N, C-alpha and C. Protein backbone atom coordinates (compact mmCIF):
# COMPACT_ATOMS: atom_id res chain seq x y z
N LEU A 1 45.35 -26.48 -39.64
CA LEU A 1 45.43 -27.29 -40.96
C LEU A 1 45.02 -26.44 -42.27
N MET A 2 45.60 -26.81 -43.40
CA MET A 2 45.44 -26.09 -44.43
C MET A 2 44.14 -26.61 -45.22
N ASP A 3 43.14 -25.75 -45.50
CA ASP A 3 42.20 -26.02 -46.27
C ASP A 3 42.60 -26.72 -47.59
N GLU A 4 41.67 -28.06 -47.64
CA GLU A 4 42.15 -28.90 -48.86
C GLU A 4 42.01 -28.35 -50.25
N ARG A 5 41.17 -27.33 -50.64
CA ARG A 5 40.97 -26.79 -51.51
C ARG A 5 42.25 -25.62 -51.96
N LEU A 6 42.83 -25.12 -50.87
CA LEU A 6 43.98 -24.34 -51.04
C LEU A 6 45.18 -25.22 -51.46
N GLN A 7 45.26 -26.30 -50.54
CA GLN A 7 46.39 -27.25 -50.80
C GLN A 7 46.26 -27.81 -52.26
N ASN A 8 45.13 -28.24 -52.81
CA ASN A 8 44.92 -28.82 -54.14
C ASN A 8 45.36 -27.56 -55.05
N ALA A 9 44.74 -26.41 -54.83
CA ALA A 9 45.21 -25.33 -55.79
C ALA A 9 46.66 -25.01 -55.91
N SER A 10 47.13 -25.27 -54.56
CA SER A 10 48.83 -24.66 -54.76
C SER A 10 49.68 -26.24 -55.52
N ILE A 11 49.33 -27.27 -55.05
CA ILE A 11 49.86 -28.39 -55.80
C ILE A 11 49.44 -28.49 -57.51
N ASN A 12 48.54 -27.88 -57.83
CA ASN A 12 48.15 -27.96 -59.40
C ASN A 12 48.34 -26.59 -60.05
N GLY A 13 48.82 -25.59 -59.05
CA GLY A 13 49.10 -24.30 -59.64
C GLY A 13 47.86 -23.57 -60.22
N ASN A 14 46.73 -23.75 -59.66
CA ASN A 14 45.36 -23.29 -60.02
C ASN A 14 45.34 -21.92 -59.56
N VAL A 15 45.58 -20.91 -60.27
CA VAL A 15 45.40 -19.47 -60.07
C VAL A 15 43.99 -19.18 -59.95
N ALA A 16 43.16 -19.61 -60.89
CA ALA A 16 41.74 -19.35 -60.95
C ALA A 16 41.16 -19.85 -59.71
N GLY A 17 41.57 -21.15 -59.23
CA GLY A 17 41.23 -21.53 -57.82
C GLY A 17 41.40 -21.07 -56.87
N LEU A 18 42.65 -20.28 -56.78
CA LEU A 18 42.87 -19.47 -55.65
C LEU A 18 42.17 -17.95 -55.50
N ALA A 19 41.90 -17.69 -56.75
CA ALA A 19 41.02 -16.33 -56.88
C ALA A 19 39.77 -16.67 -56.38
N GLU A 20 39.18 -17.63 -56.61
CA GLU A 20 37.76 -18.16 -56.03
C GLU A 20 37.76 -18.19 -54.57
N LEU A 21 38.94 -18.78 -53.77
CA LEU A 21 39.21 -18.94 -52.44
C LEU A 21 39.14 -17.51 -51.99
N MET A 22 39.93 -16.57 -52.65
CA MET A 22 40.31 -15.29 -52.08
C MET A 22 38.89 -14.39 -52.01
N LYS A 23 37.89 -14.98 -53.04
CA LYS A 23 36.61 -14.08 -52.79
C LYS A 23 35.76 -14.52 -51.68
N GLU A 24 36.10 -15.48 -50.95
CA GLU A 24 35.25 -16.05 -49.73
C GLU A 24 35.64 -14.88 -48.69
N GLU A 25 34.89 -14.77 -47.62
CA GLU A 25 34.94 -14.25 -46.38
C GLU A 25 36.56 -14.38 -45.75
N GLU A 26 36.70 -15.20 -45.55
CA GLU A 26 38.04 -15.58 -44.75
C GLU A 26 39.14 -16.00 -45.90
N GLY A 27 39.04 -15.76 -47.17
CA GLY A 27 39.93 -15.92 -48.22
C GLY A 27 41.55 -15.48 -47.60
N ARG A 28 41.68 -14.44 -47.47
CA ARG A 28 43.14 -14.14 -47.17
C ARG A 28 43.49 -14.72 -45.92
N ALA A 29 42.60 -15.13 -44.80
CA ALA A 29 43.22 -15.95 -43.70
C ALA A 29 43.66 -17.17 -44.16
N LEU A 30 43.21 -17.80 -45.23
CA LEU A 30 43.56 -19.00 -45.68
C LEU A 30 45.09 -19.11 -46.01
N LEU A 31 45.47 -18.06 -46.33
CA LEU A 31 46.84 -18.03 -46.84
C LEU A 31 47.78 -18.31 -45.94
N GLY A 32 47.42 -18.11 -44.68
CA GLY A 32 48.15 -18.31 -43.41
C GLY A 32 48.17 -19.75 -42.97
N GLN A 33 47.49 -20.34 -43.55
CA GLN A 33 47.41 -21.95 -43.16
C GLN A 33 48.65 -22.86 -43.66
N VAL A 34 48.86 -23.90 -42.87
CA VAL A 34 49.94 -24.59 -42.99
C VAL A 34 49.44 -26.23 -43.07
N THR A 35 50.11 -26.87 -43.90
CA THR A 35 49.98 -28.32 -43.73
C THR A 35 50.34 -29.05 -42.48
N PRO A 36 49.69 -30.31 -42.27
CA PRO A 36 50.22 -30.88 -41.13
C PRO A 36 51.60 -31.46 -41.34
N GLY A 37 52.15 -31.69 -40.33
CA GLY A 37 53.48 -32.48 -40.42
C GLY A 37 54.88 -31.25 -40.70
N LEU A 38 54.93 -31.08 -41.83
CA LEU A 38 56.14 -30.03 -42.21
C LEU A 38 55.80 -28.75 -41.98
N CYS A 39 54.38 -28.43 -41.72
CA CYS A 39 53.97 -26.96 -41.95
C CYS A 39 54.33 -26.15 -42.84
N ASN A 40 54.22 -26.56 -44.06
CA ASN A 40 54.42 -25.82 -45.40
C ASN A 40 53.16 -24.89 -45.52
N THR A 41 53.67 -23.80 -46.29
CA THR A 41 52.40 -22.93 -46.56
C THR A 41 52.09 -23.06 -48.16
N CYS A 42 51.11 -22.64 -48.60
CA CYS A 42 50.76 -22.81 -49.88
C CYS A 42 52.00 -22.20 -50.76
N LEU A 43 52.84 -21.29 -50.54
CA LEU A 43 54.15 -20.82 -51.17
C LEU A 43 55.10 -22.07 -51.09
N HIS A 44 55.37 -22.57 -50.19
CA HIS A 44 56.16 -23.90 -50.18
C HIS A 44 55.70 -24.99 -51.06
N ILE A 45 54.45 -25.07 -51.06
CA ILE A 45 53.76 -26.16 -51.81
C ILE A 45 54.21 -25.85 -53.51
N CYS A 46 53.69 -24.81 -53.70
CA CYS A 46 53.84 -24.44 -55.28
C CYS A 46 55.06 -24.29 -55.62
N ALA A 47 56.03 -23.85 -54.69
CA ALA A 47 57.40 -23.70 -55.11
C ALA A 47 58.17 -25.12 -55.33
N SER A 48 57.69 -26.00 -54.91
CA SER A 48 58.12 -27.22 -54.72
C SER A 48 57.63 -27.94 -56.22
N TYR A 49 56.57 -27.42 -56.75
CA TYR A 49 56.12 -27.95 -58.25
C TYR A 49 56.67 -27.06 -59.12
N GLY A 50 57.00 -25.89 -58.84
CA GLY A 50 57.55 -24.88 -59.90
C GLY A 50 56.37 -24.04 -60.77
N HIS A 51 55.16 -23.95 -59.70
CA HIS A 51 54.02 -23.12 -60.32
C HIS A 51 54.40 -21.72 -60.11
N THR A 52 55.14 -21.08 -60.78
CA THR A 52 55.56 -19.48 -60.98
C THR A 52 54.36 -18.70 -60.78
N HIS A 53 53.52 -18.81 -61.71
CA HIS A 53 52.34 -18.01 -61.69
C HIS A 53 51.57 -18.10 -60.50
N PHE A 54 51.42 -19.06 -59.79
CA PHE A 54 50.76 -19.28 -58.48
C PHE A 54 51.40 -18.40 -57.63
N ALA A 55 52.79 -18.88 -57.62
CA ALA A 55 53.61 -18.34 -56.51
C ALA A 55 53.63 -16.55 -56.68
N ALA A 56 53.35 -16.07 -57.90
CA ALA A 56 53.38 -14.61 -58.05
C ALA A 56 51.89 -14.05 -57.46
N GLU A 57 51.06 -14.81 -57.69
CA GLU A 57 49.70 -14.43 -57.22
C GLU A 57 49.83 -14.44 -55.68
N VAL A 58 50.53 -15.45 -54.95
CA VAL A 58 50.43 -15.56 -53.54
C VAL A 58 51.21 -14.47 -52.93
N LEU A 59 52.33 -14.30 -53.67
CA LEU A 59 53.17 -13.19 -53.28
C LEU A 59 52.63 -11.62 -53.22
N ARG A 60 51.76 -11.63 -54.45
CA ARG A 60 51.03 -10.32 -54.30
C ARG A 60 50.07 -10.14 -53.11
N LEU A 61 49.28 -11.28 -52.96
CA LEU A 61 48.57 -11.22 -51.83
C LEU A 61 48.75 -11.06 -50.45
N ARG A 62 50.12 -11.77 -50.24
CA ARG A 62 50.95 -12.11 -48.78
C ARG A 62 52.20 -12.16 -49.08
N PRO A 63 52.99 -11.07 -49.46
CA PRO A 63 54.35 -11.03 -49.81
C PRO A 63 55.21 -11.75 -48.64
N LYS A 64 54.60 -11.70 -47.27
CA LYS A 64 55.62 -12.18 -45.99
C LYS A 64 55.53 -13.72 -46.17
N LEU A 65 54.88 -14.33 -46.92
CA LEU A 65 54.94 -15.71 -46.93
C LEU A 65 56.20 -16.18 -47.38
N ALA A 66 57.06 -15.34 -48.41
CA ALA A 66 58.18 -15.77 -48.84
C ALA A 66 59.12 -16.06 -47.69
N SER A 67 59.11 -15.30 -46.57
CA SER A 67 60.00 -15.71 -45.52
C SER A 67 59.67 -16.51 -44.32
N VAL A 68 58.64 -17.08 -44.54
CA VAL A 68 58.19 -18.39 -43.62
C VAL A 68 58.91 -19.71 -43.80
N ARG A 69 59.37 -19.91 -42.68
CA ARG A 69 60.23 -21.24 -42.99
C ARG A 69 59.11 -22.67 -42.18
N ASN A 70 59.43 -23.65 -42.81
CA ASN A 70 58.62 -24.64 -42.39
C ASN A 70 59.31 -25.31 -41.08
N LYS A 71 58.84 -26.65 -40.99
CA LYS A 71 59.39 -27.28 -39.67
C LYS A 71 61.01 -27.85 -40.10
N GLN A 72 61.20 -27.91 -41.20
CA GLN A 72 62.69 -28.25 -41.45
C GLN A 72 63.61 -27.05 -41.99
N THR A 73 63.07 -25.70 -41.33
CA THR A 73 63.69 -24.34 -41.36
C THR A 73 63.65 -24.21 -42.94
N GLU A 74 63.02 -24.37 -43.73
CA GLU A 74 63.24 -24.04 -45.21
C GLU A 74 62.27 -23.10 -45.55
N THR A 75 62.71 -22.17 -46.40
CA THR A 75 61.80 -21.07 -46.93
C THR A 75 61.36 -21.59 -48.42
N PRO A 76 60.50 -20.84 -48.78
CA PRO A 76 59.88 -21.49 -50.27
C PRO A 76 61.17 -21.45 -51.35
N LEU A 77 61.90 -20.52 -51.05
CA LEU A 77 63.20 -20.32 -51.84
C LEU A 77 63.96 -21.55 -51.61
N HIS A 78 64.16 -21.83 -50.52
CA HIS A 78 64.99 -23.35 -50.36
C HIS A 78 64.61 -24.47 -51.03
N ILE A 79 63.31 -24.60 -50.76
CA ILE A 79 62.62 -25.62 -51.74
C ILE A 79 62.62 -25.49 -53.19
N ALA A 80 62.30 -24.38 -53.72
CA ALA A 80 62.56 -24.23 -55.16
C ALA A 80 63.86 -24.64 -55.57
N CYS A 81 65.02 -24.13 -55.06
CA CYS A 81 66.24 -24.45 -55.36
C CYS A 81 66.78 -25.83 -55.11
N ARG A 82 65.99 -26.55 -54.04
CA ARG A 82 66.20 -27.87 -54.04
C ARG A 82 65.44 -28.95 -55.13
N GLU A 83 64.50 -28.46 -55.45
CA GLU A 83 63.64 -29.12 -56.56
C GLU A 83 63.88 -28.68 -58.01
N GLY A 84 64.97 -27.83 -58.20
CA GLY A 84 65.34 -27.40 -59.51
C GLY A 84 64.41 -26.52 -60.11
N LYS A 85 63.73 -25.60 -59.55
CA LYS A 85 62.57 -24.82 -60.17
C LYS A 85 63.13 -23.43 -60.24
N ALA A 86 63.97 -23.11 -61.61
CA ALA A 86 64.47 -21.76 -61.54
C ALA A 86 63.66 -20.71 -61.65
N GLN A 87 62.59 -20.83 -62.54
CA GLN A 87 61.81 -19.60 -62.55
C GLN A 87 61.35 -19.15 -61.24
N THR A 88 60.87 -20.30 -60.54
CA THR A 88 60.18 -20.02 -59.43
C THR A 88 61.25 -19.29 -58.28
N ALA A 89 62.45 -19.84 -58.39
CA ALA A 89 63.38 -19.61 -57.38
C ALA A 89 63.63 -18.18 -57.95
N ARG A 90 63.84 -17.59 -59.28
CA ARG A 90 64.15 -16.18 -59.54
C ARG A 90 62.78 -15.25 -59.06
N LEU A 91 61.64 -15.60 -59.19
CA LEU A 91 60.62 -14.87 -58.50
C LEU A 91 60.58 -14.69 -57.00
N LEU A 92 60.99 -15.60 -56.30
CA LEU A 92 61.23 -15.37 -54.98
C LEU A 92 62.39 -14.69 -54.44
N LEU A 93 63.35 -14.77 -55.51
CA LEU A 93 64.79 -13.92 -54.96
C LEU A 93 64.16 -12.51 -55.34
N GLU A 94 63.61 -12.15 -56.43
CA GLU A 94 63.25 -11.07 -56.82
C GLU A 94 62.27 -10.10 -55.94
N SER A 95 61.43 -11.09 -55.50
CA SER A 95 60.21 -10.65 -54.39
C SER A 95 60.74 -9.89 -53.31
N ASN A 96 61.84 -10.45 -52.86
CA ASN A 96 62.25 -10.01 -51.44
C ASN A 96 63.94 -9.86 -51.30
N PRO A 97 64.52 -8.99 -51.80
CA PRO A 97 65.97 -9.21 -51.95
C PRO A 97 66.76 -9.41 -50.56
N SER A 98 66.09 -8.93 -49.53
CA SER A 98 66.81 -8.98 -48.03
C SER A 98 66.51 -10.51 -47.61
N LEU A 99 65.19 -11.11 -48.04
CA LEU A 99 65.24 -12.43 -47.63
C LEU A 99 66.01 -13.28 -48.62
N ALA A 100 66.31 -12.87 -49.95
CA ALA A 100 67.28 -13.43 -50.77
C ALA A 100 68.74 -13.74 -50.10
N CYS A 101 69.22 -12.40 -49.50
CA CYS A 101 70.41 -12.35 -48.81
C CYS A 101 70.61 -13.60 -47.68
N SER A 102 69.45 -13.48 -46.85
CA SER A 102 69.42 -14.40 -45.77
C SER A 102 69.52 -15.75 -46.12
N ALA A 103 68.56 -16.23 -47.14
CA ALA A 103 68.38 -17.57 -47.76
C ALA A 103 69.49 -18.12 -48.19
N LEU A 104 70.12 -17.23 -49.11
CA LEU A 104 71.33 -17.54 -50.03
C LEU A 104 72.49 -17.85 -49.14
N VAL A 105 72.78 -16.91 -48.25
CA VAL A 105 74.12 -16.88 -47.46
C VAL A 105 73.83 -17.76 -46.04
N ALA A 106 72.75 -17.47 -45.24
CA ALA A 106 72.71 -18.33 -44.10
C ALA A 106 72.28 -19.72 -44.53
N ALA A 107 72.68 -20.43 -43.33
CA ALA A 107 72.23 -21.81 -43.26
C ALA A 107 70.60 -21.88 -43.40
N GLY A 108 70.16 -22.71 -44.18
CA GLY A 108 68.50 -22.79 -44.56
C GLY A 108 67.98 -23.78 -43.73
N ASP A 109 68.22 -25.18 -44.19
CA ASP A 109 67.41 -26.19 -43.71
C ASP A 109 68.04 -26.80 -42.38
N GLU A 110 67.34 -27.69 -41.85
CA GLU A 110 67.85 -28.16 -40.60
C GLU A 110 69.27 -28.86 -40.62
N LYS A 111 69.52 -29.16 -41.96
CA LYS A 111 71.07 -29.70 -42.00
C LYS A 111 72.19 -28.64 -42.20
N GLY A 112 71.84 -27.32 -42.30
CA GLY A 112 72.54 -26.36 -42.46
C GLY A 112 73.00 -25.85 -43.79
N ALA A 113 72.06 -26.43 -44.87
CA ALA A 113 72.35 -26.09 -46.26
C ALA A 113 71.59 -24.85 -46.57
N ASN A 114 72.50 -23.91 -47.32
CA ASN A 114 71.62 -22.86 -47.68
C ASN A 114 70.99 -23.20 -49.17
N ALA A 115 70.47 -22.16 -49.84
CA ALA A 115 69.65 -22.58 -51.12
C ALA A 115 70.82 -22.91 -52.00
N MET A 116 71.76 -22.24 -52.17
CA MET A 116 72.57 -22.67 -53.04
C MET A 116 73.30 -24.08 -52.99
N MET A 117 73.50 -24.63 -51.81
CA MET A 117 73.96 -25.76 -51.49
C MET A 117 72.97 -26.80 -51.72
N LEU A 118 71.77 -26.58 -51.66
CA LEU A 118 70.61 -27.37 -51.95
C LEU A 118 70.44 -27.70 -53.42
N ALA A 119 70.76 -26.42 -54.25
CA ALA A 119 70.70 -26.67 -55.77
C ALA A 119 71.65 -27.46 -56.12
N ALA A 120 72.94 -27.14 -55.43
CA ALA A 120 74.31 -27.90 -55.77
C ALA A 120 74.09 -29.59 -55.72
N ARG A 121 73.78 -29.61 -54.38
CA ARG A 121 73.60 -31.12 -54.01
C ARG A 121 72.64 -31.89 -54.70
N HIS A 122 71.76 -31.28 -55.36
CA HIS A 122 70.74 -31.99 -56.35
C HIS A 122 71.29 -32.07 -57.87
N GLY A 123 72.19 -31.20 -58.06
CA GLY A 123 72.61 -31.13 -59.58
C GLY A 123 71.71 -30.30 -60.30
N HIS A 124 71.12 -28.92 -59.65
CA HIS A 124 70.33 -28.39 -60.54
C HIS A 124 71.11 -27.13 -61.18
N VAL A 125 71.54 -27.53 -62.38
CA VAL A 125 72.35 -26.41 -63.07
C VAL A 125 71.71 -25.13 -63.41
N GLU A 126 70.54 -25.24 -63.73
CA GLU A 126 69.89 -23.78 -64.26
C GLU A 126 69.79 -23.17 -62.85
N VAL A 127 69.38 -23.70 -61.86
CA VAL A 127 69.27 -22.78 -60.55
C VAL A 127 70.58 -22.28 -60.10
N LEU A 128 71.74 -23.12 -60.15
CA LEU A 128 73.01 -22.57 -59.82
C LEU A 128 73.48 -21.53 -60.81
N LYS A 129 73.02 -21.67 -61.95
CA LYS A 129 73.48 -20.52 -62.86
C LYS A 129 72.62 -19.20 -62.47
N LEU A 130 71.57 -19.37 -62.05
CA LEU A 130 70.62 -18.26 -61.56
C LEU A 130 71.35 -17.46 -60.29
N LEU A 131 71.76 -18.39 -59.50
CA LEU A 131 72.36 -17.89 -58.34
C LEU A 131 73.90 -17.50 -58.43
N LEU A 132 74.47 -17.80 -59.41
CA LEU A 132 75.62 -17.20 -59.70
C LEU A 132 75.76 -16.28 -60.65
N SER A 133 74.65 -15.77 -60.88
CA SER A 133 74.51 -14.57 -61.90
C SER A 133 75.13 -13.40 -61.34
N ASP A 134 75.22 -12.27 -62.24
CA ASP A 134 75.90 -11.15 -61.52
C ASP A 134 74.92 -10.36 -60.25
N ARG A 135 73.84 -10.61 -60.54
CA ARG A 135 72.94 -10.04 -59.63
C ARG A 135 73.02 -10.74 -58.08
N TRP A 136 73.03 -12.01 -58.15
CA TRP A 136 73.03 -12.58 -56.80
C TRP A 136 74.59 -13.23 -56.27
N LEU A 137 75.48 -13.32 -57.17
CA LEU A 137 76.58 -13.91 -56.86
C LEU A 137 77.41 -13.03 -55.75
N PRO A 138 77.40 -11.72 -55.65
CA PRO A 138 77.93 -10.95 -54.52
C PRO A 138 77.56 -11.43 -53.07
N LEU A 139 76.27 -11.83 -53.31
CA LEU A 139 75.71 -12.17 -51.79
C LEU A 139 76.85 -13.35 -51.16
N PHE A 140 77.18 -14.48 -52.14
CA PHE A 140 77.82 -15.35 -51.74
C PHE A 140 79.15 -14.99 -51.45
N ARG A 141 79.88 -14.22 -52.08
CA ARG A 141 81.04 -13.93 -51.72
C ARG A 141 81.51 -13.07 -50.65
N VAL A 142 80.34 -12.14 -50.09
CA VAL A 142 80.51 -11.57 -48.80
C VAL A 142 80.52 -12.50 -47.60
N GLU A 143 80.03 -13.49 -47.70
CA GLU A 143 79.81 -14.42 -46.49
C GLU A 143 80.80 -15.52 -46.73
N GLY A 144 81.42 -15.78 -47.64
CA GLY A 144 82.41 -16.77 -48.01
C GLY A 144 81.60 -18.36 -47.99
N SER A 145 80.33 -18.19 -48.50
CA SER A 145 79.66 -19.65 -48.62
C SER A 145 79.91 -19.96 -50.29
N LEU A 146 80.45 -19.37 -50.99
CA LEU A 146 80.55 -19.90 -52.66
C LEU A 146 81.37 -21.03 -52.71
N VAL A 147 82.52 -21.03 -51.96
CA VAL A 147 83.59 -22.17 -52.01
C VAL A 147 82.69 -23.62 -51.63
N PRO A 148 82.22 -23.35 -50.25
CA PRO A 148 81.47 -24.69 -49.89
C PRO A 148 80.39 -25.21 -50.80
N SER A 149 79.91 -24.28 -51.32
CA SER A 149 78.52 -24.77 -52.26
C SER A 149 79.02 -25.32 -53.54
N LEU A 150 80.18 -24.74 -54.09
CA LEU A 150 80.86 -25.15 -55.43
C LEU A 150 81.29 -26.61 -55.03
N LEU A 151 82.10 -26.76 -53.75
CA LEU A 151 82.76 -28.02 -53.31
C LEU A 151 81.58 -29.11 -53.32
N GLU A 152 80.47 -28.71 -52.70
CA GLU A 152 79.55 -29.77 -52.56
C GLU A 152 78.97 -30.09 -54.13
N ALA A 153 78.77 -29.23 -55.04
CA ALA A 153 78.56 -29.68 -56.40
C ALA A 153 79.47 -30.71 -57.07
N ALA A 154 80.79 -30.31 -56.89
CA ALA A 154 81.85 -31.11 -57.48
C ALA A 154 81.99 -32.39 -56.79
N SER A 155 81.80 -32.34 -55.50
CA SER A 155 81.69 -33.63 -54.73
C SER A 155 80.82 -34.59 -54.91
N ARG A 156 79.64 -34.31 -55.72
CA ARG A 156 78.51 -35.11 -56.13
C ARG A 156 78.78 -35.39 -57.78
N GLY A 157 79.57 -34.84 -58.26
CA GLY A 157 79.94 -35.08 -59.63
C GLY A 157 79.24 -34.06 -60.67
N HIS A 158 79.04 -32.86 -60.06
CA HIS A 158 78.03 -31.95 -60.88
C HIS A 158 78.92 -30.88 -61.40
N SER A 159 79.49 -31.31 -62.44
CA SER A 159 80.48 -30.08 -62.82
C SER A 159 80.40 -29.51 -64.43
């Protein structure tokens, strides 16, 4: 189970609190802890709140957390896109381009939605603009997932 102090720091985006935890003997080991139920890491949690500075510090300390999937098979990127946290999504994309490719193109959550589909489904225009930028758009064209994502957005009235 996740240490309550880490969970609270993640929820609040408390970078100073994270730094204090990292000073403890088992500090880095705390970063591998997950919440009960969904098995979210601290990176999943801060991504859902859009705490980009906190996410950047977590990624500096443990970059591999970007690829960890929770029980719903979501990475932190999927959560950031679903919640409309464009700056955090950008950080996660840039932190690991190979992860970006798999999370953007491949099915992500337990219902088969990739990060772009999640952003479209929830009408997060800024996230869609990010994902459709020149840097990331080729990933969608390669696998043919652009059209389903755009159809998802249009079917929900997000045009």
